Amino acid sequence: MSQFDQSLLEIVDRYYTDKIRAYGPTPSGVDWNGRDSQRVRFNQLMKLTDERWKGSLNDIGCGYGALFDFLSEGQREADYLGVDISEDMVAMAQKLHQRTEHCRFLLGTHPDRIADYTVASGIFNVRLGIDDVSWRNHINVALDSMRDSSKAGFGFNCLTKYSDSNFRRDHLYYADPCDLFNFCKIRYARNVALLHDYELYEFTILVRL
């Protein structure tokens, strides 16, 4: 498996560490617009499973553990592992969930186990001036890691290149959904779903292994 570019990770780490220090354990603390859009994203990713599913889940770029809270609110049981490159994020997540069973957090880029599913929400959006080729390579390395950490499948989301030009921001990355769908279909599995029919300027890809 290819390795992450450490200098790139340091840039991303600083950005999100500044966010959690400024806003605390809130959607703004992980650079989301609000709780409602955060929940829409989680709903799309969890289409990997059905409501009766009980199993293990890796959450890459977990922030303060909002996905675990979302699952708990819906009374969905999961053996949850959150992974994040920001030490402050992991510390906040551990503090908020210190008495929670079947939930733990890990500092780093890769899970330390293979789970049923692995998901990542929002980790490919903020590129902070990093060029397209380097950022796409970063995405490819992350997807390989997610595949290697999953038994049944993995899912992720990206901002879409079909976003209206007046809403675009220079520090964000707008991916080509068809290109990533094709990449996942050829590299990982025959069963790949592209979800681009919900009210956000983004898409979700689900890969079933």
N, C-alpha and C. Protein backbone atom coordinates (compact mmCIF):
# COMPACT_ATOMS: atom_id res chain seq x y z
N MET A 1 0.84 -1.20 0.00
CA MET A 1 0.00 0.00 0.00
C MET A 1 0.88 1.24 0.00
N SER A 2 0.54 2.23 -0.81
CA SER A 2 1.27 3.48 -0.83
C SER A 2 1.13 4.20 0.50
N GLN A 3 2.06 5.11 0.75
CA GLN A 3 2.08 5.83 2.01
C GLN A 3 1.54 7.24 1.84
N PHE A 4 0.99 7.79 2.91
CA PHE A 4 0.55 9.17 2.90
C PHE A 4 1.74 10.12 2.85
N ASP A 5 1.53 11.28 2.26
CA ASP A 5 2.51 12.36 2.25
C ASP A 5 2.44 13.05 3.62
N GLN A 6 3.48 12.92 4.42
CA GLN A 6 3.45 13.44 5.79
C GLN A 6 3.33 14.96 5.84
N SER A 7 3.96 15.66 4.91
CA SER A 7 3.85 17.12 4.91
C SER A 7 2.42 17.56 4.62
N LEU A 8 1.73 16.82 3.77
CA LEU A 8 0.33 17.11 3.48
C LEU A 8 -0.52 16.86 4.72
N LEU A 9 -0.28 15.75 5.39
CA LEU A 9 -1.04 15.44 6.61
C LEU A 9 -0.85 16.51 7.68
N GLU A 10 0.36 17.05 7.79
CA GLU A 10 0.62 18.08 8.79
C GLU A 10 -0.19 19.34 8.51
N ILE A 11 -0.35 19.69 7.24
CA ILE A 11 -1.16 20.86 6.87
C ILE A 11 -2.62 20.63 7.27
N VAL A 12 -3.14 19.46 6.94
CA VAL A 12 -4.53 19.14 7.27
C VAL A 12 -4.72 19.06 8.78
N ASP A 13 -3.78 18.47 9.48
CA ASP A 13 -3.83 18.35 10.94
C ASP A 13 -3.94 19.73 11.58
N ARG A 14 -3.09 20.66 11.16
CA ARG A 14 -3.12 22.01 11.74
C ARG A 14 -4.46 22.69 11.51
N TYR A 15 -5.01 22.51 10.32
CA TYR A 15 -6.29 23.14 9.99
C TYR A 15 -7.40 22.67 10.92
N TYR A 16 -7.53 21.36 11.06
CA TYR A 16 -8.62 20.83 11.87
C TYR A 16 -8.37 20.99 13.37
N THR A 17 -7.12 20.97 13.77
CA THR A 17 -6.82 21.23 15.18
C THR A 17 -7.23 22.65 15.55
N ASP A 18 -6.98 23.60 14.67
CA ASP A 18 -7.41 24.98 14.91
C ASP A 18 -8.93 25.06 15.02
N LYS A 19 -9.64 24.28 14.20
CA LYS A 19 -11.11 24.31 14.22
C LYS A 19 -11.66 23.78 15.55
N ILE A 20 -11.17 22.64 16.01
CA ILE A 20 -11.70 22.06 17.25
C ILE A 20 -11.34 22.93 18.44
N ARG A 21 -10.19 23.59 18.40
CA ARG A 21 -9.82 24.50 19.49
C ARG A 21 -10.70 25.74 19.50
N ALA A 22 -11.11 26.19 18.33
CA ALA A 22 -11.92 27.40 18.24
C ALA A 22 -13.39 27.15 18.56
N TYR A 23 -13.93 26.02 18.12
CA TYR A 23 -15.38 25.80 18.19
C TYR A 23 -15.80 24.64 19.08
N GLY A 24 -14.84 23.83 19.53
CA GLY A 24 -15.20 22.71 20.40
C GLY A 24 -15.92 21.61 19.65
N PRO A 25 -16.57 20.69 20.40
CA PRO A 25 -17.23 19.54 19.78
C PRO A 25 -18.59 19.89 19.17
N THR A 26 -18.54 20.60 18.07
CA THR A 26 -19.72 21.03 17.32
C THR A 26 -19.45 20.78 15.84
N PRO A 27 -20.48 20.83 14.99
CA PRO A 27 -20.22 20.70 13.55
C PRO A 27 -19.18 21.69 13.04
N SER A 28 -19.19 22.93 13.57
CA SER A 28 -18.17 23.91 13.16
C SER A 28 -16.78 23.47 13.57
N GLY A 29 -16.69 22.71 14.66
CA GLY A 29 -15.40 22.23 15.13
C GLY A 29 -14.76 21.21 14.21
N VAL A 30 -15.55 20.64 13.31
CA VAL A 30 -15.00 19.75 12.27
C VAL A 30 -15.26 20.33 10.88
N ASP A 31 -15.56 21.63 10.86
CA ASP A 31 -15.71 22.41 9.62
C ASP A 31 -16.92 22.02 8.79
N TRP A 32 -18.02 21.64 9.47
CA TRP A 32 -19.29 21.44 8.79
C TRP A 32 -20.18 22.66 9.01
N ASN A 33 -21.15 22.85 8.09
CA ASN A 33 -22.04 24.01 8.19
C ASN A 33 -23.01 23.91 9.35
N GLY A 34 -23.44 22.69 9.67
CA GLY A 34 -24.41 22.55 10.74
C GLY A 34 -24.76 21.10 10.98
N ARG A 35 -25.56 20.88 12.01
CA ARG A 35 -25.90 19.52 12.42
C ARG A 35 -26.78 18.82 11.39
N ASP A 36 -27.70 19.56 10.76
CA ASP A 36 -28.62 18.92 9.82
C ASP A 36 -27.88 18.33 8.62
N SER A 37 -26.97 19.09 8.04
CA SER A 37 -26.22 18.57 6.89
C SER A 37 -25.29 17.44 7.31
N GLN A 38 -24.78 17.52 8.53
CA GLN A 38 -23.95 16.44 9.06
C GLN A 38 -24.74 15.14 9.12
N ARG A 39 -25.97 15.22 9.55
CA ARG A 39 -26.82 14.03 9.67
C ARG A 39 -27.19 13.49 8.28
N VAL A 40 -27.40 14.36 7.32
CA VAL A 40 -27.68 13.91 5.95
C VAL A 40 -26.51 13.08 5.43
N ARG A 41 -25.30 13.54 5.67
CA ARG A 41 -24.11 12.81 5.22
C ARG A 41 -24.02 11.45 5.90
N PHE A 42 -24.27 11.42 7.20
CA PHE A 42 -24.21 10.14 7.92
C PHE A 42 -25.25 9.17 7.39
N ASN A 43 -26.44 9.68 7.12
CA ASN A 43 -27.50 8.81 6.58
C ASN A 43 -27.09 8.18 5.26
N GLN A 44 -26.45 8.95 4.40
CA GLN A 44 -26.01 8.42 3.11
C GLN A 44 -24.96 7.33 3.31
N LEU A 45 -23.98 7.59 4.17
CA LEU A 45 -22.91 6.62 4.39
C LEU A 45 -23.43 5.32 4.99
N MET A 46 -24.40 5.43 5.89
CA MET A 46 -24.89 4.24 6.56
C MET A 46 -25.85 3.43 5.69
N LYS A 47 -26.08 3.86 4.46
CA LYS A 47 -26.80 3.02 3.50
C LYS A 47 -25.98 1.79 3.12
N LEU A 48 -24.73 1.76 3.55
CA LEU A 48 -23.95 0.53 3.42
C LEU A 48 -24.61 -0.63 4.16
N THR A 49 -25.36 -0.32 5.20
CA THR A 49 -25.96 -1.33 6.07
C THR A 49 -27.48 -1.19 6.04
N ASP A 50 -28.16 -2.08 6.76
CA ASP A 50 -29.58 -1.88 7.00
C ASP A 50 -29.79 -1.60 8.49
N GLU A 51 -31.01 -1.27 8.86
CA GLU A 51 -31.27 -0.85 10.24
C GLU A 51 -31.09 -1.97 11.25
N ARG A 52 -31.09 -3.21 10.80
CA ARG A 52 -30.93 -4.34 11.71
C ARG A 52 -29.46 -4.72 11.90
N TRP A 53 -28.59 -4.10 11.12
CA TRP A 53 -27.17 -4.47 11.18
C TRP A 53 -26.56 -4.16 12.53
N LYS A 54 -25.78 -5.10 13.04
CA LYS A 54 -24.98 -4.92 14.24
C LYS A 54 -23.60 -5.48 13.94
N GLY A 55 -22.60 -4.65 13.98
CA GLY A 55 -21.26 -5.13 13.64
C GLY A 55 -20.22 -4.09 13.96
N SER A 56 -19.09 -4.19 13.28
CA SER A 56 -17.96 -3.30 13.56
C SER A 56 -17.82 -2.24 12.48
N LEU A 57 -17.43 -1.04 12.91
CA LEU A 57 -17.35 0.10 12.01
C LEU A 57 -16.12 0.93 12.33
N ASN A 58 -15.31 1.20 11.31
CA ASN A 58 -14.21 2.16 11.41
C ASN A 58 -14.66 3.49 10.83
N ASP A 59 -14.34 4.58 11.53
CA ASP A 59 -14.70 5.92 11.10
C ASP A 59 -13.42 6.73 10.94
N ILE A 60 -13.02 6.99 9.69
CA ILE A 60 -11.77 7.70 9.41
C ILE A 60 -12.03 9.20 9.37
N GLY A 61 -11.20 9.95 10.09
CA GLY A 61 -11.46 11.38 10.23
C GLY A 61 -12.65 11.61 11.12
N CYS A 62 -12.64 10.91 12.25
CA CYS A 62 -13.83 10.83 13.12
C CYS A 62 -14.15 12.12 13.86
N GLY A 63 -13.19 13.05 13.94
CA GLY A 63 -13.45 14.26 14.71
C GLY A 63 -13.72 13.94 16.17
N TYR A 64 -14.79 14.51 16.70
CA TYR A 64 -15.13 14.30 18.11
C TYR A 64 -16.09 13.12 18.32
N GLY A 65 -16.30 12.31 17.28
CA GLY A 65 -17.13 11.11 17.42
C GLY A 65 -18.59 11.31 17.12
N ALA A 66 -18.92 12.28 16.27
CA ALA A 66 -20.32 12.59 15.98
C ALA A 66 -21.05 11.43 15.32
N LEU A 67 -20.36 10.64 14.52
CA LEU A 67 -21.03 9.50 13.88
C LEU A 67 -21.47 8.47 14.90
N PHE A 68 -20.64 8.22 15.90
CA PHE A 68 -21.06 7.29 16.95
C PHE A 68 -22.31 7.81 17.66
N ASP A 69 -22.35 9.11 17.94
CA ASP A 69 -23.52 9.70 18.59
C ASP A 69 -24.75 9.57 17.70
N PHE A 70 -24.58 9.78 16.41
CA PHE A 70 -25.68 9.63 15.46
C PHE A 70 -26.24 8.21 15.48
N LEU A 71 -25.36 7.23 15.49
CA LEU A 71 -25.80 5.84 15.54
C LEU A 71 -26.52 5.54 16.85
N SER A 72 -25.99 6.05 17.94
CA SER A 72 -26.60 5.81 19.25
C SER A 72 -27.98 6.43 19.34
N GLU A 73 -28.14 7.63 18.78
CA GLU A 73 -29.45 8.29 18.80
C GLU A 73 -30.48 7.48 18.03
N GLY A 74 -30.04 6.79 16.99
CA GLY A 74 -30.94 5.95 16.21
C GLY A 74 -31.04 4.54 16.74
N GLN A 75 -30.46 4.32 17.93
CA GLN A 75 -30.47 3.01 18.59
C GLN A 75 -29.88 1.92 17.69
N ARG A 76 -28.83 2.30 16.97
CA ARG A 76 -28.12 1.35 16.13
C ARG A 76 -26.81 0.98 16.82
N GLU A 77 -26.63 -0.29 17.06
CA GLU A 77 -25.46 -0.76 17.79
C GLU A 77 -24.30 -1.00 16.83
N ALA A 78 -23.11 -0.57 17.24
CA ALA A 78 -21.92 -0.82 16.44
C ALA A 78 -20.71 -0.89 17.36
N ASP A 79 -19.79 -1.75 17.02
CA ASP A 79 -18.48 -1.77 17.66
C ASP A 79 -17.64 -0.75 16.90
N TYR A 80 -17.52 0.43 17.47
CA TYR A 80 -17.05 1.62 16.75
C TYR A 80 -15.60 1.94 17.07
N LEU A 81 -14.82 2.23 16.02
CA LEU A 81 -13.46 2.75 16.17
C LEU A 81 -13.35 4.03 15.36
N GLY A 82 -13.04 5.13 16.04
CA GLY A 82 -12.80 6.40 15.36
C GLY A 82 -11.31 6.66 15.23
N VAL A 83 -10.90 7.11 14.06
CA VAL A 83 -9.48 7.37 13.77
C VAL A 83 -9.34 8.81 13.28
N ASP A 84 -8.37 9.53 13.83
CA ASP A 84 -8.16 10.91 13.38
C ASP A 84 -6.68 11.27 13.50
N ILE A 85 -6.22 12.18 12.62
CA ILE A 85 -4.82 12.59 12.67
C ILE A 85 -4.58 13.74 13.63
N SER A 86 -5.65 14.37 14.12
CA SER A 86 -5.53 15.49 15.05
C SER A 86 -5.56 14.98 16.48
N GLU A 87 -4.49 15.23 17.21
CA GLU A 87 -4.43 14.80 18.61
C GLU A 87 -5.52 15.46 19.43
N ASP A 88 -5.81 16.73 19.15
CA ASP A 88 -6.86 17.44 19.89
C ASP A 88 -8.23 16.83 19.61
N MET A 89 -8.48 16.43 18.37
CA MET A 89 -9.75 15.78 18.04
C MET A 89 -9.91 14.48 18.82
N VAL A 90 -8.89 13.66 18.82
CA VAL A 90 -8.96 12.37 19.51
C VAL A 90 -9.14 12.58 21.00
N ALA A 91 -8.43 13.54 21.57
CA ALA A 91 -8.57 13.82 23.00
C ALA A 91 -9.99 14.26 23.34
N MET A 92 -10.58 15.10 22.49
CA MET A 92 -11.95 15.55 22.72
C MET A 92 -12.93 14.38 22.61
N ALA A 93 -12.75 13.54 21.60
CA ALA A 93 -13.62 12.38 21.42
C ALA A 93 -13.53 11.43 22.60
N GLN A 94 -12.33 11.19 23.09
CA GLN A 94 -12.15 10.30 24.24
C GLN A 94 -12.80 10.88 25.49
N LYS A 95 -12.69 12.18 25.66
CA LYS A 95 -13.31 12.83 26.82
C LYS A 95 -14.83 12.71 26.78
N LEU A 96 -15.41 12.91 25.61
CA LEU A 96 -16.87 12.87 25.47
C LEU A 96 -17.43 11.47 25.61
N HIS A 97 -16.62 10.45 25.31
CA HIS A 97 -17.11 9.07 25.28
C HIS A 97 -16.37 8.16 26.24
N GLN A 98 -15.83 8.74 27.30
CA GLN A 98 -14.96 7.96 28.18
C GLN A 98 -15.69 6.85 28.92
N ARG A 99 -16.98 6.95 29.09
CA ARG A 99 -17.74 5.90 29.79
C ARG A 99 -18.62 5.12 28.81
N THR A 100 -18.28 5.14 27.55
CA THR A 100 -19.10 4.52 26.53
C THR A 100 -18.52 3.17 26.12
N GLU A 101 -19.36 2.15 26.13
CA GLU A 101 -18.91 0.82 25.71
C GLU A 101 -18.90 0.71 24.18
N HIS A 102 -18.07 -0.19 23.69
CA HIS A 102 -17.97 -0.50 22.26
C HIS A 102 -17.62 0.74 21.43
N CYS A 103 -16.80 1.60 22.01
CA CYS A 103 -16.42 2.84 21.34
C CYS A 103 -15.02 3.22 21.79
N ARG A 104 -14.12 3.37 20.83
CA ARG A 104 -12.78 3.83 21.17
C ARG A 104 -12.22 4.68 20.04
N PHE A 105 -11.13 5.38 20.34
CA PHE A 105 -10.57 6.34 19.39
C PHE A 105 -9.06 6.15 19.29
N LEU A 106 -8.55 6.37 18.09
CA LEU A 106 -7.15 6.09 17.79
C LEU A 106 -6.55 7.28 17.03
N LEU A 107 -5.37 7.71 17.45
CA LEU A 107 -4.64 8.76 16.76
C LEU A 107 -3.83 8.15 15.62
N GLY A 108 -4.05 8.64 14.38
CA GLY A 108 -3.29 8.11 13.26
C GLY A 108 -4.06 8.22 11.96
N THR A 109 -3.59 7.50 10.95
CA THR A 109 -4.22 7.50 9.63
C THR A 109 -4.93 6.20 9.31
N HIS A 110 -4.53 5.11 9.96
CA HIS A 110 -5.07 3.78 9.64
C HIS A 110 -5.71 3.15 10.88
N PRO A 111 -6.82 2.44 10.71
CA PRO A 111 -7.35 1.64 11.82
C PRO A 111 -6.36 0.55 12.21
N ASP A 112 -6.46 0.10 13.45
CA ASP A 112 -5.59 -0.99 13.92
C ASP A 112 -6.31 -2.34 13.85
N ARG A 113 -7.39 -2.39 13.06
CA ARG A 113 -8.17 -3.63 12.93
C ARG A 113 -8.88 -3.62 11.59
N ILE A 114 -9.39 -4.78 11.22
CA ILE A 114 -10.28 -4.89 10.08
C ILE A 114 -11.71 -4.98 10.61
N ALA A 115 -12.58 -4.08 10.16
CA ALA A 115 -13.97 -4.04 10.60
C ALA A 115 -14.88 -4.48 9.46
N ASP A 116 -16.16 -4.65 9.78
CA ASP A 116 -17.12 -4.96 8.72
C ASP A 116 -17.12 -3.85 7.67
N TYR A 117 -17.22 -2.61 8.15
CA TYR A 117 -17.29 -1.46 7.26
C TYR A 117 -16.35 -0.35 7.74
N THR A 118 -15.92 0.46 6.79
CA THR A 118 -15.13 1.66 7.08
C THR A 118 -15.75 2.82 6.33
N VAL A 119 -15.90 3.96 7.00
CA VAL A 119 -16.47 5.14 6.36
C VAL A 119 -15.59 6.36 6.63
N ALA A 120 -15.75 7.36 5.77
CA ALA A 120 -15.05 8.63 5.94
C ALA A 120 -15.95 9.74 5.45
N SER A 121 -16.20 10.71 6.30
CA SER A 121 -17.09 11.82 5.95
C SER A 121 -16.32 13.14 5.99
N GLY A 122 -16.17 13.76 4.83
CA GLY A 122 -15.60 15.10 4.77
C GLY A 122 -14.09 15.20 4.73
N ILE A 123 -13.39 14.08 4.76
CA ILE A 123 -11.93 14.17 4.87
C ILE A 123 -11.25 14.55 3.56
N PHE A 124 -11.99 14.55 2.46
CA PHE A 124 -11.37 14.87 1.17
C PHE A 124 -11.74 16.27 0.66
N ASN A 125 -12.37 17.06 1.49
CA ASN A 125 -12.91 18.35 1.03
C ASN A 125 -11.92 19.50 1.09
N VAL A 126 -11.15 19.58 2.17
CA VAL A 126 -10.32 20.76 2.43
C VAL A 126 -8.88 20.47 2.01
N ARG A 127 -8.45 21.06 0.90
CA ARG A 127 -7.10 20.76 0.41
C ARG A 127 -6.11 21.90 0.65
N LEU A 128 -6.59 23.10 0.98
CA LEU A 128 -5.72 24.17 1.47
C LEU A 128 -4.57 24.51 0.52
N GLY A 129 -4.86 24.65 -0.76
CA GLY A 129 -3.84 25.05 -1.71
C GLY A 129 -3.00 23.92 -2.27
N ILE A 130 -3.22 22.72 -1.82
CA ILE A 130 -2.49 21.56 -2.35
C ILE A 130 -2.99 21.29 -3.78
N ASP A 131 -2.06 21.00 -4.69
CA ASP A 131 -2.43 20.84 -6.10
C ASP A 131 -3.30 19.61 -6.33
N ASP A 132 -4.01 19.61 -7.46
CA ASP A 132 -4.97 18.55 -7.77
C ASP A 132 -4.34 17.16 -7.80
N VAL A 133 -3.18 17.04 -8.41
CA VAL A 133 -2.54 15.73 -8.54
C VAL A 133 -2.16 15.17 -7.17
N SER A 134 -1.56 16.00 -6.33
CA SER A 134 -1.15 15.55 -4.99
C SER A 134 -2.36 15.19 -4.15
N TRP A 135 -3.43 15.99 -4.26
CA TRP A 135 -4.61 15.72 -3.44
C TRP A 135 -5.32 14.45 -3.90
N ARG A 136 -5.39 14.25 -5.21
CA ARG A 136 -6.02 13.02 -5.71
C ARG A 136 -5.21 11.80 -5.29
N ASN A 137 -3.90 11.91 -5.31
CA ASN A 137 -3.08 10.79 -4.83
C ASN A 137 -3.34 10.52 -3.36
N HIS A 138 -3.53 11.58 -2.59
CA HIS A 138 -3.87 11.45 -1.17
C HIS A 138 -5.19 10.68 -1.02
N ILE A 139 -6.17 11.01 -1.83
CA ILE A 139 -7.45 10.31 -1.80
C ILE A 139 -7.26 8.83 -2.14
N ASN A 140 -6.49 8.55 -3.16
CA ASN A 140 -6.27 7.16 -3.56
C ASN A 140 -5.63 6.34 -2.45
N VAL A 141 -4.64 6.92 -1.78
CA VAL A 141 -3.99 6.22 -0.66
C VAL A 141 -4.99 5.96 0.46
N ALA A 142 -5.83 6.95 0.76
CA ALA A 142 -6.83 6.79 1.82
C ALA A 142 -7.84 5.71 1.46
N LEU A 143 -8.27 5.67 0.21
CA LEU A 143 -9.24 4.65 -0.21
C LEU A 143 -8.63 3.25 -0.16
N ASP A 144 -7.38 3.12 -0.54
CA ASP A 144 -6.71 1.82 -0.41
C ASP A 144 -6.69 1.36 1.05
N SER A 145 -6.41 2.29 1.95
CA SER A 145 -6.39 1.97 3.38
C SER A 145 -7.76 1.55 3.87
N MET A 146 -8.80 2.24 3.41
CA MET A 146 -10.16 1.89 3.80
C MET A 146 -10.54 0.50 3.30
N ARG A 147 -10.17 0.21 2.06
CA ARG A 147 -10.42 -1.12 1.51
C ARG A 147 -9.73 -2.19 2.35
N ASP A 148 -8.47 -1.95 2.69
CA ASP A 148 -7.69 -2.93 3.43
C ASP A 148 -8.19 -3.10 4.87
N SER A 149 -8.99 -2.15 5.35
CA SER A 149 -9.49 -2.19 6.73
C SER A 149 -10.92 -2.69 6.82
N SER A 150 -11.47 -3.19 5.71
CA SER A 150 -12.89 -3.53 5.65
C SER A 150 -13.12 -4.95 5.14
N LYS A 151 -14.09 -5.63 5.75
CA LYS A 151 -14.49 -6.95 5.27
C LYS A 151 -15.61 -6.87 4.24
N ALA A 152 -16.61 -6.05 4.53
CA ALA A 152 -17.83 -6.05 3.71
C ALA A 152 -17.96 -4.84 2.80
N GLY A 153 -17.32 -3.72 3.16
CA GLY A 153 -17.45 -2.56 2.31
C GLY A 153 -16.96 -1.29 2.97
N PHE A 154 -16.93 -0.22 2.17
CA PHE A 154 -16.55 1.09 2.71
C PHE A 154 -17.26 2.19 1.94
N GLY A 155 -17.33 3.37 2.54
CA GLY A 155 -18.01 4.48 1.92
C GLY A 155 -17.36 5.80 2.27
N PHE A 156 -17.52 6.77 1.38
CA PHE A 156 -16.93 8.10 1.59
C PHE A 156 -17.73 9.13 0.81
N ASN A 157 -17.52 10.38 1.13
CA ASN A 157 -18.17 11.46 0.38
C ASN A 157 -17.16 12.51 -0.05
N CYS A 158 -17.54 13.27 -1.06
CA CYS A 158 -16.71 14.34 -1.61
C CYS A 158 -17.61 15.48 -2.07
N LEU A 159 -17.08 16.67 -2.08
CA LEU A 159 -17.76 17.76 -2.77
C LEU A 159 -17.75 17.47 -4.27
N THR A 160 -18.80 17.89 -4.96
CA THR A 160 -18.93 17.55 -6.37
C THR A 160 -18.46 18.67 -7.29
N LYS A 161 -17.89 18.29 -8.42
CA LYS A 161 -17.47 19.27 -9.41
C LYS A 161 -18.67 19.96 -10.06
N TYR A 162 -19.87 19.42 -9.83
CA TYR A 162 -21.08 20.02 -10.37
C TYR A 162 -21.64 21.12 -9.46
N SER A 163 -20.89 21.52 -8.45
CA SER A 163 -21.30 22.63 -7.60
C SER A 163 -21.36 23.92 -8.42
N ASP A 164 -22.31 24.77 -8.11
CA ASP A 164 -22.42 26.06 -8.80
C ASP A 164 -21.15 26.87 -8.57
N SER A 165 -20.67 27.51 -9.62
CA SER A 165 -19.38 28.22 -9.56
C SER A 165 -19.37 29.32 -8.50
N ASN A 166 -20.51 29.97 -8.28
CA ASN A 166 -20.54 31.06 -7.31
C ASN A 166 -20.49 30.57 -5.87
N PHE A 167 -20.65 29.26 -5.65
CA PHE A 167 -20.56 28.70 -4.31
C PHE A 167 -19.20 28.05 -4.04
N ARG A 168 -18.36 27.97 -5.04
CA ARG A 168 -17.08 27.28 -4.88
C ARG A 168 -16.10 28.13 -4.06
N ARG A 169 -15.21 27.43 -3.35
CA ARG A 169 -14.16 28.09 -2.58
C ARG A 169 -12.81 27.51 -2.99
N ASP A 170 -11.81 28.39 -3.07
CA ASP A 170 -10.51 27.98 -3.58
C ASP A 170 -9.81 26.93 -2.72
N HIS A 171 -10.09 26.92 -1.42
CA HIS A 171 -9.37 25.99 -0.53
C HIS A 171 -10.03 24.62 -0.47
N LEU A 172 -11.12 24.44 -1.22
CA LEU A 172 -11.84 23.17 -1.21
C LEU A 172 -11.58 22.38 -2.50
N TYR A 173 -11.78 21.08 -2.41
CA TYR A 173 -11.56 20.19 -3.55
C TYR A 173 -12.91 19.67 -4.05
N TYR A 174 -13.18 19.86 -5.34
CA TYR A 174 -14.43 19.44 -5.95
C TYR A 174 -14.13 18.27 -6.89
N ALA A 175 -14.52 17.09 -6.48
CA ALA A 175 -14.15 15.88 -7.20
C ALA A 175 -15.12 15.58 -8.34
N ASP A 176 -14.64 14.82 -9.30
CA ASP A 176 -15.46 14.32 -10.40
C ASP A 176 -16.10 13.00 -9.94
N PRO A 177 -17.41 12.97 -9.71
CA PRO A 177 -18.04 11.75 -9.19
C PRO A 177 -17.90 10.56 -10.13
N CYS A 178 -17.98 10.81 -11.44
CA CYS A 178 -17.88 9.69 -12.39
C CYS A 178 -16.48 9.10 -12.40
N ASP A 179 -15.49 9.96 -12.27
CA ASP A 179 -14.10 9.49 -12.24
C ASP A 179 -13.84 8.63 -11.01
N LEU A 180 -14.31 9.06 -9.85
CA LEU A 180 -14.11 8.27 -8.64
C LEU A 180 -14.93 6.99 -8.65
N PHE A 181 -16.13 7.05 -9.21
CA PHE A 181 -16.93 5.84 -9.36
C PHE A 181 -16.18 4.82 -10.22
N ASN A 182 -15.65 5.27 -11.34
CA ASN A 182 -14.91 4.39 -12.24
C ASN A 182 -13.67 3.82 -11.55
N PHE A 183 -12.97 4.66 -10.80
CA PHE A 183 -11.78 4.22 -10.07
C PHE A 183 -12.14 3.10 -9.09
N CYS A 184 -13.20 3.30 -8.33
CA CYS A 184 -13.61 2.30 -7.33
C CYS A 184 -14.11 1.02 -7.99
N LYS A 185 -14.82 1.17 -9.09
CA LYS A 185 -15.36 0.01 -9.81
C LYS A 185 -14.23 -0.87 -10.35
N ILE A 186 -13.21 -0.25 -10.91
CA ILE A 186 -12.10 -0.99 -11.50
C ILE A 186 -11.15 -1.54 -10.44
N ARG A 187 -10.89 -0.74 -9.41
CA ARG A 187 -9.84 -1.10 -8.45
C ARG A 187 -10.33 -1.97 -7.30
N TYR A 188 -11.60 -1.80 -6.88
CA TYR A 188 -12.03 -2.43 -5.63
C TYR A 188 -13.10 -3.50 -5.76
N ALA A 189 -14.16 -3.23 -6.50
CA ALA A 189 -15.29 -4.16 -6.45
C ALA A 189 -16.24 -3.94 -7.62
N ARG A 190 -17.05 -4.95 -7.90
CA ARG A 190 -18.08 -4.82 -8.93
C ARG A 190 -19.28 -4.04 -8.41
N ASN A 191 -19.54 -4.16 -7.10
CA ASN A 191 -20.73 -3.55 -6.52
C ASN A 191 -20.39 -2.19 -5.91
N VAL A 192 -20.61 -1.15 -6.70
CA VAL A 192 -20.30 0.21 -6.29
C VAL A 192 -21.51 1.08 -6.56
N ALA A 193 -21.90 1.89 -5.59
CA ALA A 193 -23.05 2.80 -5.74
C ALA A 193 -22.57 4.24 -5.67
N LEU A 194 -23.07 5.06 -6.58
CA LEU A 194 -22.83 6.50 -6.57
C LEU A 194 -24.13 7.19 -6.20
N LEU A 195 -24.14 7.88 -5.08
CA LEU A 195 -25.33 8.59 -4.59
C LEU A 195 -25.11 10.09 -4.80
N HIS A 196 -25.89 10.65 -5.71
CA HIS A 196 -25.73 12.07 -6.03
C HIS A 196 -27.10 12.72 -6.12
N ASP A 197 -28.03 12.24 -5.29
CA ASP A 197 -29.43 12.67 -5.40
C ASP A 197 -29.96 13.22 -4.09
N TYR A 198 -29.09 13.83 -3.28
CA TYR A 198 -29.54 14.45 -2.04
C TYR A 198 -29.11 15.91 -2.03
N GLU A 199 -29.74 16.70 -1.17
CA GLU A 199 -29.68 18.15 -1.29
C GLU A 199 -28.43 18.78 -0.69
N LEU A 200 -27.27 18.31 -1.11
CA LEU A 200 -26.00 18.93 -0.75
C LEU A 200 -25.13 18.94 -2.00
N TYR A 201 -24.17 19.84 -2.04
CA TYR A 201 -23.29 19.93 -3.21
C TYR A 201 -22.16 18.91 -3.10
N GLU A 202 -22.54 17.66 -3.06
CA GLU A 202 -21.57 16.59 -2.87
C GLU A 202 -22.17 15.27 -3.33
N PHE A 203 -21.39 14.22 -3.20
CA PHE A 203 -21.86 12.87 -3.53
C PHE A 203 -21.24 11.88 -2.56
N THR A 204 -21.84 10.70 -2.49
CA THR A 204 -21.35 9.61 -1.66
C THR A 204 -21.12 8.39 -2.54
N ILE A 205 -20.03 7.70 -2.30
CA ILE A 205 -19.76 6.44 -2.99
C ILE A 205 -19.70 5.32 -1.96
N LEU A 206 -20.43 4.25 -2.23
CA LEU A 206 -20.47 3.06 -1.38
C LEU A 206 -19.88 1.89 -2.16
N VAL A 207 -18.91 1.24 -1.58
CA VAL A 207 -18.24 0.10 -2.21
C VAL A 207 -18.53 -1.15 -1.38
N ARG A 208 -19.16 -2.14 -2.01
CA ARG A 208 -19.45 -3.40 -1.33
C ARG A 208 -18.48 -4.47 -1.81
N LEU A 209 -17.70 -4.99 -0.89
CA LEU A 209 -16.62 -5.91 -1.23
C LEU A 209 -17.12 -7.36 -1.33
